[in-house]
Protein backbone atom coordinates (compact mmCIF):
# COMPACT_ATOMS: atom_id res chain seq x y z
CA MET A 1 -84.37 -74.94 86.35
CA ARG A 2 -81.79 -77.73 86.82
CA GLU A 3 -78.21 -76.65 86.14
CA SER A 4 -76.51 -79.03 82.91
CA ARG A 5 -73.27 -80.93 83.84
CA LEU A 6 -70.82 -82.10 81.12
CA PRO A 7 -70.75 -85.97 81.15
CA HIS A 8 -67.79 -86.74 83.57
CA ARG A 9 -66.08 -90.11 83.75
CA PRO A 10 -64.55 -91.37 86.70
CA GLY A 11 -60.68 -90.98 87.14
CA GLN A 12 -60.37 -88.17 84.82
CA ARG A 13 -58.59 -84.82 85.55
CA GLY A 14 -56.79 -81.97 84.35
CA PHE A 15 -52.82 -81.25 85.51
CA THR A 16 -51.76 -79.86 88.75
CA LEU A 17 -50.30 -76.49 88.67
CA VAL A 18 -46.51 -77.99 89.88
CA GLU A 19 -46.96 -80.65 87.02
CA VAL A 20 -47.37 -78.32 84.25
CA THR A 21 -44.49 -76.12 85.92
CA VAL A 22 -42.06 -79.02 86.12
CA SER A 23 -42.82 -80.26 82.67
CA LEU A 24 -42.10 -76.95 81.39
CA PHE A 25 -39.02 -76.70 83.07
CA VAL A 26 -37.83 -79.96 81.98
CA THR A 27 -38.95 -78.87 78.66
CA ILE A 28 -36.75 -75.76 78.93
CA ILE A 29 -33.66 -77.80 80.12
CA VAL A 30 -33.93 -80.34 76.99
CA LEU A 31 -34.50 -76.87 74.67
CA LEU A 32 -31.18 -75.30 75.97
CA GLY A 33 -29.28 -78.46 75.95
CA VAL A 34 -30.26 -78.53 72.24
CA LEU A 35 -29.35 -75.10 71.55
CA ALA A 36 -26.08 -75.30 73.44
CA LEU A 37 -25.54 -78.19 71.05
CA PHE A 38 -26.44 -76.36 68.00
CA ASP A 39 -24.20 -73.78 69.17
CA PHE A 40 -21.08 -75.66 69.92
CA SER A 41 -21.60 -77.78 66.81
CA ASN A 42 -22.05 -74.04 64.94
CA ARG A 43 -18.88 -72.84 65.95
CA LEU A 44 -16.96 -76.26 65.36
CA THR A 45 -18.31 -75.88 61.98
CA ARG A 46 -17.12 -72.42 61.28
CA VAL A 47 -13.60 -73.05 62.96
CA GLN A 48 -13.21 -76.30 60.57
CA SER A 49 -14.32 -74.02 57.77
CA ASN A 50 -11.68 -71.31 58.53
CA ILE A 51 -8.94 -73.69 58.76
CA SER A 52 -10.05 -75.65 55.87
CA ASP A 53 -10.12 -71.99 53.77
CA MET A 54 -6.72 -71.51 55.37
CA GLN A 55 -4.94 -74.68 54.51
CA GLN A 56 -6.50 -74.64 50.90
CA SER A 57 -5.28 -71.00 50.32
CA LEU A 58 -2.18 -72.29 51.55
CA ARG A 59 -1.74 -75.06 49.35
CA VAL A 60 -2.70 -73.09 46.31
CA ALA A 61 -0.37 -70.19 47.21
CA GLN A 62 2.53 -72.32 47.07
CA ALA A 63 1.40 -74.29 44.21
CA ASP A 64 1.24 -71.23 41.99
CA SER A 65 4.77 -70.17 43.65
CA LEU A 66 6.55 -73.37 42.81
CA ARG A 67 5.71 -73.53 39.22
CA LEU A 68 7.46 -70.22 38.91
CA ILE A 69 10.39 -70.78 41.23
CA ARG A 70 10.90 -74.17 39.69
CA MET A 71 11.83 -72.54 36.18
CA ALA A 72 14.69 -70.34 37.66
CA GLY A 73 17.55 -70.59 35.38
CA ARG A 74 15.89 -71.71 32.26
CA GLY A 75 17.78 -70.22 29.36
CA GLY A 76 21.43 -70.95 30.36
CA ILE A 77 21.14 -68.06 33.57
CA PRO A 78 23.47 -69.29 36.26
CA VAL A 79 22.27 -69.20 40.08
CA GLY A 80 25.48 -67.09 40.64
CA ASN A 81 26.57 -66.59 44.05
CA LEU A 82 24.67 -66.65 46.65
CA PRO A 83 22.34 -65.13 48.53
CA THR A 84 22.63 -62.07 45.80
CA GLY A 85 22.81 -64.76 42.92
CA THR A 86 21.60 -64.28 39.28
CA ALA A 87 18.81 -66.86 38.80
CA VAL A 88 18.05 -66.93 42.59
CA ALA A 89 18.29 -64.03 45.07
CA VAL A 90 17.10 -63.86 48.45
CA GLN A 91 16.69 -60.77 51.21
CA ASN A 92 16.88 -62.47 54.43
CA ASN A 93 14.94 -61.65 57.32
CA VAL A 94 14.06 -58.21 55.79
CA ALA A 95 14.04 -54.90 58.36
CA ASP A 96 11.21 -52.77 58.96
CA GLY A 97 10.35 -50.30 56.34
CA THR A 98 11.99 -52.75 53.27
CA LEU A 99 10.43 -51.85 50.22
CA VAL A 100 10.02 -54.69 47.72
CA GLY A 101 11.42 -52.60 44.47
CA GLY A 102 12.23 -49.18 46.34
CA GLY A 103 10.27 -45.98 45.84
CA THR A 104 6.83 -45.92 46.59
CA THR A 105 6.85 -49.76 45.99
CA PRO A 106 4.76 -52.17 48.59
CA GLU A 107 6.08 -52.47 51.83
CA VAL A 108 7.39 -55.96 53.31
CA VAL A 109 6.40 -57.49 56.19
CA PRO A 110 9.74 -57.12 59.01
CA GLY A 111 11.50 -60.30 59.60
CA SER A 112 10.13 -62.53 56.47
CA ASP A 113 12.39 -63.07 53.27
CA VAL A 114 12.05 -61.86 49.75
CA LEU A 115 12.66 -64.60 46.97
CA THR A 116 13.88 -63.49 43.82
CA VAL A 117 13.84 -66.07 40.80
CA ARG A 118 15.29 -64.64 37.19
CA GLY A 119 15.40 -66.60 34.00
CA VAL A 120 11.93 -68.07 33.90
CA LEU A 121 10.47 -68.98 30.86
CA THR A 122 6.60 -69.36 30.88
CA SER A 123 6.21 -68.68 27.25
CA SER A 124 7.58 -70.68 24.36
CA VAL A 125 11.10 -71.25 23.81
CA TYR A 126 11.36 -70.33 19.74
CA GLN A 127 13.44 -72.06 17.56
CA ILE A 128 15.14 -69.76 15.25
CA ASN A 129 14.90 -70.04 11.30
CA GLN A 130 18.24 -70.51 10.35
CA SER A 131 17.39 -70.02 6.22
CA ALA A 132 16.75 -66.53 7.34
CA PRO A 133 19.54 -63.95 8.08
CA PHE A 134 20.65 -63.39 11.74
CA ASN A 135 21.48 -59.83 11.35
CA LEU A 136 23.66 -57.94 14.12
CA THR A 137 24.08 -54.26 13.29
CA PRO A 138 26.25 -52.36 12.67
CA SER A 139 28.59 -55.31 12.53
CA ALA A 140 29.46 -58.44 14.28
CA ALA A 141 32.49 -57.66 15.59
CA ALA A 142 31.07 -54.38 17.54
CA PRO A 143 27.14 -55.20 17.48
CA THR A 144 24.49 -52.83 19.11
CA GLY A 145 21.46 -54.48 17.57
CA GLY A 146 19.95 -56.85 15.55
CA THR A 147 17.51 -59.08 13.87
CA LEU A 148 15.88 -62.54 13.68
CA GLN A 149 13.25 -64.54 11.69
CA LEU A 150 10.72 -66.74 13.45
CA SER A 151 8.27 -68.91 11.86
CA ASN A 152 5.27 -71.05 12.33
CA PRO A 153 5.81 -74.03 12.05
CA GLY A 154 9.43 -73.84 12.98
CA PRO A 155 12.69 -75.00 11.23
CA SER A 156 12.49 -78.68 12.27
CA GLY A 157 8.63 -78.64 11.27
CA VAL A 158 6.85 -78.61 14.80
CA ALA A 159 3.96 -76.02 15.00
CA GLN A 160 4.96 -73.01 17.62
CA ASP A 161 2.92 -70.36 18.83
CA LEU A 162 4.16 -66.97 18.49
CA THR A 163 1.41 -64.92 20.16
CA ALA A 164 3.62 -63.88 23.23
CA ILE A 165 6.39 -62.34 21.47
CA THR A 166 3.76 -60.99 18.95
CA ASP A 167 1.56 -59.78 21.74
CA ALA A 168 4.98 -58.13 23.48
CA ILE A 169 5.91 -56.48 19.92
CA SER A 170 2.62 -55.19 19.19
CA LYS A 171 2.31 -53.48 22.78
CA GLY A 172 6.16 -52.28 22.93
CA ARG A 173 7.17 -54.05 25.84
CA ARG A 174 10.84 -53.75 26.32
CA GLU A 175 11.08 -57.68 27.01
CA GLY A 176 13.96 -59.08 27.90
CA LEU A 177 14.88 -62.22 25.20
CA VAL A 178 17.57 -64.50 25.93
CA LEU A 179 19.55 -65.74 22.78
CA VAL A 180 21.40 -68.65 22.89
CA ALA A 181 24.49 -69.64 20.59
CA ARG A 182 23.95 -71.86 17.87
CA GLN A 183 27.52 -73.49 17.88
CA ASP A 184 27.54 -73.85 21.77
CA PRO A 185 24.82 -73.67 24.45
CA SER A 186 26.97 -72.40 26.95
CA ILE A 187 27.17 -69.31 25.51
CA TRP A 188 24.10 -66.78 25.63
CA VAL A 189 23.15 -63.06 25.79
CA VAL A 190 19.93 -61.52 27.05
CA VAL A 191 19.19 -58.63 24.86
CA GLU A 192 16.07 -55.88 24.41
CA LEU A 193 12.96 -56.10 22.24
CA ASN A 194 12.79 -53.55 19.68
CA GLN A 195 9.69 -52.77 18.73
CA GLY A 196 10.88 -50.09 15.47
CA THR A 197 12.87 -53.11 14.12
CA SER A 198 10.41 -55.93 14.36
CA ASN A 199 7.62 -56.91 11.85
CA ILE A 200 4.76 -58.90 12.66
CA THR A 201 2.65 -58.23 9.30
CA ASN A 202 2.86 -61.56 8.43
CA PRO A 203 1.93 -63.66 11.86
CA SER A 204 3.40 -67.13 10.49
CA ASN A 205 6.59 -65.45 9.46
CA ILE A 206 7.88 -62.46 12.13
CA THR A 207 11.04 -60.26 12.38
CA VAL A 208 12.19 -60.26 15.83
CA GLY A 209 14.51 -56.85 16.34
CA PHE A 210 16.43 -56.36 19.67
CA ASN A 211 18.78 -53.84 21.19
CA ILE A 212 21.95 -55.20 22.71
CA THR A 213 23.06 -51.46 23.98
CA GLY A 214 21.37 -48.02 23.80
CA GLY A 215 17.90 -49.58 25.31
CA SER A 216 16.17 -48.65 28.26
CA HIS A 217 17.05 -51.71 29.94
CA THR A 218 20.05 -52.99 28.06
CA ALA A 219 22.95 -52.83 30.32
CA GLN A 220 20.82 -54.44 33.17
CA TYR A 221 19.82 -57.09 30.75
CA LEU A 222 23.57 -57.75 29.53
CA GLN A 223 24.63 -58.52 33.30
CA LEU A 224 22.43 -61.71 32.52
CA SER A 225 24.76 -62.65 29.61
CA SER A 226 27.42 -65.76 29.98
CA THR A 227 29.81 -62.70 29.66
CA PRO A 228 28.38 -60.61 32.53
CA GLY A 229 27.86 -56.80 30.91
CA ASN A 230 29.08 -57.66 27.43
CA TYR A 231 28.07 -59.34 24.34
CA PRO A 232 29.78 -62.41 23.93
CA THR A 233 32.18 -62.33 20.88
CA GLY A 234 31.19 -66.05 19.77
CA LEU A 235 27.69 -65.70 19.42
CA THR A 236 27.54 -64.74 15.51
CA SER A 237 24.38 -67.19 15.46
CA ALA A 238 21.39 -67.77 17.71
CA VAL A 239 19.49 -71.46 17.37
CA SER A 240 16.81 -69.83 19.99
CA VAL A 241 15.03 -67.35 21.81
CA GLY A 242 12.99 -66.97 24.75
CA ILE A 243 11.42 -63.95 26.73
CA VAL A 244 13.09 -63.56 30.20
CA GLU A 245 11.02 -63.29 33.43
CA GLU A 246 11.59 -62.38 36.62
CA TYR A 247 9.53 -62.47 39.86
CA ARG A 248 9.72 -61.77 43.63
CA PHE A 249 7.65 -63.49 46.28
CA TYR A 250 7.23 -61.69 49.53
CA VAL A 251 4.72 -60.94 52.40
CA ARG A 252 2.95 -57.63 51.73
CA ARG A 253 2.37 -55.57 54.82
CA ASP A 254 -1.04 -54.60 54.58
CA TYR A 255 -3.77 -52.82 57.77
CA ALA A 256 -7.62 -53.40 57.84
CA VAL A 257 -7.38 -49.63 57.76
CA PRO A 258 -5.10 -48.84 54.56
CA ASN A 259 -2.05 -46.78 55.59
CA ASP A 260 -3.18 -46.83 59.66
CA LYS A 261 -0.64 -49.17 61.38
CA THR A 262 -2.54 -48.90 64.35
CA SER A 263 -5.25 -50.81 62.60
CA ASP A 264 -5.17 -54.92 62.42
CA LEU A 265 -2.34 -56.56 60.00
CA THR A 266 -3.79 -57.85 56.94
CA PRO A 267 -0.65 -59.74 55.40
CA LYS A 268 -0.88 -61.29 52.06
CA LEU A 269 1.54 -63.65 50.00
CA SER A 270 2.20 -61.29 47.02
CA ARG A 271 4.35 -61.80 43.67
CA ALA A 272 5.91 -58.97 42.16
CA ARG A 273 6.88 -59.28 38.27
CA VAL A 274 9.38 -56.89 36.84
CA TYR A 275 11.67 -56.86 33.94
CA PRO A 276 14.61 -58.86 34.80
CA ASN A 277 17.21 -57.28 36.89
CA THR A 278 15.64 -54.07 36.87
CA GLN A 279 13.57 -52.13 39.44
CA THR A 280 11.12 -51.15 36.47
CA PRO A 281 7.57 -53.06 36.60
CA TRP A 282 6.73 -55.86 33.89
CA ALA A 283 4.73 -53.73 31.13
CA ASP A 284 5.37 -50.33 32.97
CA ASP A 285 2.28 -51.02 35.25
CA ASN A 286 2.65 -50.48 38.88
CA ASN A 287 -0.23 -52.98 39.54
CA ASN A 288 2.74 -55.80 38.93
CA TRP A 289 4.13 -54.83 41.99
CA GLN A 290 1.49 -56.76 44.00
CA VAL A 291 -0.22 -59.27 42.59
CA ASP A 292 -1.49 -61.00 45.99
CA ILE A 293 -1.48 -65.05 45.98
CA SER A 294 -2.82 -65.70 49.41
CA ASP A 295 -4.36 -63.65 52.10
CA ASN A 296 -3.17 -63.84 56.06
CA VAL A 297 0.19 -65.50 55.27
CA PHE A 298 2.16 -63.18 57.65
CA ASP A 299 5.57 -64.93 57.15
CA LEU A 300 7.64 -66.52 54.34
CA GLN A 301 11.10 -68.19 54.81
CA VAL A 302 13.55 -69.36 52.56
CA ALA A 303 16.16 -71.85 53.12
CA LEU A 304 18.55 -73.00 50.35
CA GLY A 305 20.24 -76.27 49.79
CA LEU A 306 23.89 -76.41 48.49
CA ASP A 307 26.42 -78.82 48.02
CA THR A 308 29.36 -77.41 50.15
CA ALA A 309 32.30 -78.95 51.64
CA ALA A 310 29.86 -79.56 54.79
CA ASN A 311 28.77 -82.89 53.09
CA ASP A 312 32.34 -84.29 52.78
CA PRO A 313 32.21 -87.50 53.86
CA GLY A 314 36.06 -88.01 53.19
CA ALA A 315 37.12 -91.14 51.66
CA GLY A 316 34.72 -93.78 50.87
CA ALA A 317 31.84 -94.36 48.35
CA CYS A 318 30.53 -91.25 48.01
CA GLY A 319 33.47 -89.04 47.31
CA ALA A 320 34.56 -85.70 48.66
CA GLY A 321 32.25 -83.05 48.82
CA THR A 322 30.31 -83.78 45.79
CA ILE A 323 26.59 -84.79 45.12
CA ALA A 324 26.84 -88.71 44.69
CA SER A 325 24.22 -90.91 42.78
CA ASP A 326 23.30 -92.38 46.09
CA ASP A 327 21.01 -89.49 46.89
CA ILE A 328 19.30 -90.87 50.37
CA ASN A 329 22.86 -91.10 51.95
CA CYS A 330 25.07 -89.06 50.35
CA SER A 331 23.23 -85.74 49.33
CA ILE A 332 22.60 -82.37 50.87
CA TYR A 333 23.46 -82.60 54.66
CA GLU A 334 21.74 -80.87 57.48
CA SER A 335 22.78 -81.64 60.77
CA ALA A 336 20.85 -81.54 64.25
CA ASP A 337 22.68 -79.02 65.55
CA GLY A 338 23.51 -76.82 62.47
CA GLU A 339 27.01 -77.42 62.44
CA ASN A 340 28.37 -77.35 58.98
CA ASP A 341 25.34 -77.46 57.27
CA ASP A 342 24.75 -77.49 53.53
CA TRP A 343 21.35 -75.32 53.91
CA MET A 344 21.94 -71.46 54.25
CA TYR A 345 19.37 -69.43 56.34
CA ASN A 346 17.73 -72.69 57.97
CA GLY A 347 18.46 -71.20 61.38
CA GLU A 348 20.56 -73.44 63.30
CA LYS A 349 23.42 -71.39 63.77
CA ASN A 350 25.35 -68.06 61.76
CA THR A 351 27.47 -69.88 59.26
CA ASP A 352 30.21 -68.65 57.62
CA PRO A 353 28.95 -67.11 53.99
CA ALA A 354 32.34 -68.23 52.75
CA LEU A 355 31.07 -72.09 53.13
CA PHE A 356 28.30 -71.48 50.65
CA ALA A 357 30.37 -69.20 48.17
CA ASN A 358 30.23 -70.58 44.49
CA SER A 359 28.23 -73.52 45.49
CA ASP A 360 25.82 -75.47 43.48
CA LEU A 361 22.07 -74.88 44.43
CA TYR A 362 19.91 -77.96 44.51
CA TYR A 363 17.44 -77.33 46.62
CA ILE A 364 14.97 -74.16 47.72
CA ARG A 365 12.83 -74.67 50.84
CA ILE A 366 10.11 -72.47 51.29
CA THR A 367 7.87 -71.73 54.53
CA THR A 368 4.49 -70.28 54.50
CA LEU A 369 2.86 -69.27 57.94
CA ALA A 370 -0.65 -68.36 57.89
CA ARG A 371 -3.42 -67.52 60.34
CA THR A 372 -7.58 -68.06 59.97
CA ASP A 373 -9.46 -65.25 58.62
CA ARG A 374 -11.40 -64.54 62.12
CA ARG A 375 -10.09 -64.62 65.80
CA ASP A 376 -11.33 -66.68 68.18
CA LYS A 377 -12.01 -64.92 71.57
CA ASP A 378 -11.97 -68.53 73.37
CA TYR A 379 -8.80 -69.70 71.75
CA GLN A 380 -4.97 -68.82 72.31
CA ALA A 381 -2.23 -70.54 70.09
CA PRO A 382 1.06 -71.36 71.01
CA VAL A 383 3.59 -68.94 71.31
CA LEU A 384 5.84 -68.64 68.22
CA GLU A 385 9.31 -68.80 68.88
CA ARG A 386 11.22 -69.40 65.13
CA VAL A 387 10.47 -70.35 61.89
CA GLU A 388 14.03 -71.27 59.80
CA ASP A 389 16.18 -68.24 61.09
CA ASN A 390 13.42 -66.09 62.10
CA THR A 391 13.08 -65.61 65.60
CA TYR A 392 10.05 -64.18 67.03
CA SER A 393 9.75 -62.32 70.18
CA THR A 394 8.37 -64.76 72.97
CA ALA A 395 7.02 -61.17 74.70
CA ASP A 396 3.24 -60.97 75.37
CA THR A 397 3.81 -57.14 73.67
CA SER A 398 5.04 -58.20 70.64
CA THR A 399 2.99 -58.32 67.47
CA VAL A 400 3.15 -62.19 66.49
CA ASN A 401 2.55 -63.22 70.01
CA SER A 402 0.31 -60.76 71.56
CA THR A 403 -2.90 -62.07 73.01
CA ASN A 404 -5.19 -60.79 70.09
CA GLU A 405 -3.01 -61.96 67.53
CA ARG A 406 -2.98 -65.57 69.32
CA MET A 407 -6.64 -65.81 68.74
CA TYR A 408 -6.04 -66.68 65.35
CA ARG A 409 -5.15 -70.43 64.87
CA ARG A 410 -2.30 -70.68 62.51
CA ARG A 411 -0.77 -73.43 60.25
CA LEU A 412 2.92 -74.00 58.42
CA LEU A 413 3.49 -75.14 55.46
CA ARG A 414 6.94 -76.12 53.97
CA THR A 415 8.22 -77.44 50.66
CA VAL A 416 11.20 -78.65 49.35
CA ILE A 417 11.56 -77.79 45.69
CA ASP A 418 14.21 -79.40 43.05
CA MET A 419 15.89 -76.97 41.28
CA ARG A 420 16.20 -78.62 38.11
CA ASN A 421 17.49 -76.07 35.95
CA LEU A 422 20.77 -75.36 38.18
CA GLY A 423 23.26 -77.19 39.71
């Protein structure tokens, strides 16, 4: 029997083992290159995404903060003598263990600042119904409380939403109310809302009761009046009333494992809301001590731009020691060497506090320093030395500049706020 054979064409044959091995090796090299490129692209995308998230978080945090900070001093509340002012106050470079409100309130990251703003009015400023009596009890000569009338629409015929003050009355919140004198807007007083003497039966025409003395916070509220600690004798009739608010912005000290200071620090830019000039959280709710605005913000620094004698150019177009119309050449002064600055807490030098006494506040500069959400083991951030007047330790053993902490990418955002209600 003859053996069958497959047809064979001349010159046709398979790959040798060497050829297969070489082609397989080349294919593996190409695949490894593609995978390496993909891994690099993936890591780059992840890093850029983390940075983008951090930057967006910073912008949102500052936008939320600026809205409230800019409103400080509404209702006539003055700036006071900084840094422990009335409308604005700053705790600079707080010590380890500082609590935002004492007691069991949240701890502030050491070295960061706490910015307090008062006189914020996020709800309406209400026109008082002048056709109804403004009652002071028991007498105008020695008042301890009183009532006023609000209506919708207001006296001028413009609609005014009474929801905020009606809500405060119905829930028994001890809000601070700022009353501005009808005859003189430079006279005002902050009193305490009294639910007991208020009447909201008719939501379009309500009676608002208030305590001048004898309330939970009346003594603290009177300190914010035009005659601190006392009811102004000239305020026998009020033209407007508003709910006064106080906020404190700070960096909350938090850890990956709660209360375990050996675990990773996970700081947050936070906001506390309290009844004005008190250590009582708004609505008596302890959750209002820590309304977190943004994660991974590990420093908040505040600098204050005041009109002091430092910018006095002597004789000339700008005048002596005042803000002039030429804001470019004759405004708040900040020298390169820090001598005689108009800026408090900018870190150039330790300036005599007397230089800033009783000066008008024009600007608040806030600086937030944030980091990405994740470490990158192949990255080392530059050593941090100083932001405003917060000088960081450059030793490798410090918290901010340790090897592990420098694996985070960092960004700084600085904003200058024009304080439109102060000065």
